[in-house]
Each structure stands twice: as C-alpha cells, then as structure tokens.
Amino acid sequence: MNMRKTPRTRHEGAFTLLELIISITLIAIMAVIVTGAFRLGFRSTNAGEKKIEFLERLRRSFFIMDAQIQSTMLLTFDENGIQKPYFEGSTASLRVATNFSIWGGQRGYVVARYSAKPDGSGKFILVASENLVGTSQTRETTLLKDLDTVQFEYWLKDSLEEEGAWQEEWQDETRVPERVKVTVSHRGEEHALVIPIRVRGPST
C-alpha cells in the first residue's frame, strides 16, 4: 500500500515560524528577569554588607566617645588672664579634657574634639582630633562617614528645678552637663548614645 506524504502547507510553515519567534521572545524575557533578579540580589547583599560594616564602625566609635566623655576632667586654660574651661559644646562639635586617649600611648591629659564636617556631597563625616594639654600637636582621624546628620546635645538641669532639658549649646563655664547625647543618622536610620559625665563641680 502506497502512503503519500502530505506536503506541508504554507500555513503550517508560518505557524512553526511563529512558534519559534514566541520561544525566542520568551527566552529573552526570562533572561532579562533572571539578570534583573541576580543584580537585585547582588545589590541587596552588597547593601547588607555595607550596613554591617557601618554598624561595626558605629559601635567602635561610640565606645571611644563614651570612654572619653565619661572621663571628662574639669580643667581650664589661661586666655588673656582669664581661666577658660576646656569643655565646649555646640550642636556640631564637642571639646573635652580627658585622661583617655584614642591612641592609647599618650601620657597625661588630652584635649579631645569631635566635629561634624560636610564631605562635599551633601553628607557629613564625624572627625575626632586629639592633642596633649598644653601642646598644639594634633592627631586626627575620621570616625564615621556618609552621615545624613550629626547632633550633640547637653542635659541642663537647674538645682532649683525638678526637670531638666536637652540644650543644643552648652554656655555654663562653671560646670559641665550631667549627660551628653550624640545622635547620628545614616541612610534614614537614627542612632543615639547618651553618655553620663562622672565629674561634678566647678572647673579648676
């Protein structure tokens, strides 16, 4: 018995070509989706690593600040015959005399200063500098980078009042605040540290 092969019609050939085009299109779409997912995963991993790195640096920086500020000494210096306290606080910077040095090898009291400085890209860096009392040789290091904001505040409580309040600037030259608060924000997240100052009484 003879079997004749039915010739493929033009319609069948066109349908096969259409299927091929659809398959190629689907493969291209899947490739784009997979590539996008890979990039998103890489970015998420990279962002997570950067956040962990920042939090570790923040932990170390807060440890240094806590140690130095808690160890504040009530020291003064002579300025044109007038005794001025080393302690000086504003919303963007803080200066204290302390017996705790960042570098560890310093002997004697050091003057430590923390300053928020613009980095030129709309962000801030937190810089720490230090010099021995009575000397002008200063060492400096950057504690934190890429900060949205940096703020120092000072707890003021009058002896005649029951409640105190946070101040953006410390103006009393006869004493130091009971507490200092440091607040930094990084990529929308705020981190704050409240540091008690152990010493009390007038500057000497």
Foldseek 3Di string as FASTA:
>chain_A
DDDDDDDDDPVVVVVVVVVVVVVVVVVVVVVVVVVVVVVVVVVVVVVVVVVVVQVVLVVVVVVLVQQFQQQFALAWDDDPNDTFTQFWAAFFKTKGWGCDDPVPPDHAIKIKMWGWDDPPPQATWIKIKIDHPPDDDIDIDTRHDQWNDKTKWAWDDDPVDDGIDIDRTDDDRFWGGQWMKIWIHHPRRIDMDIHGHDDTGGRD
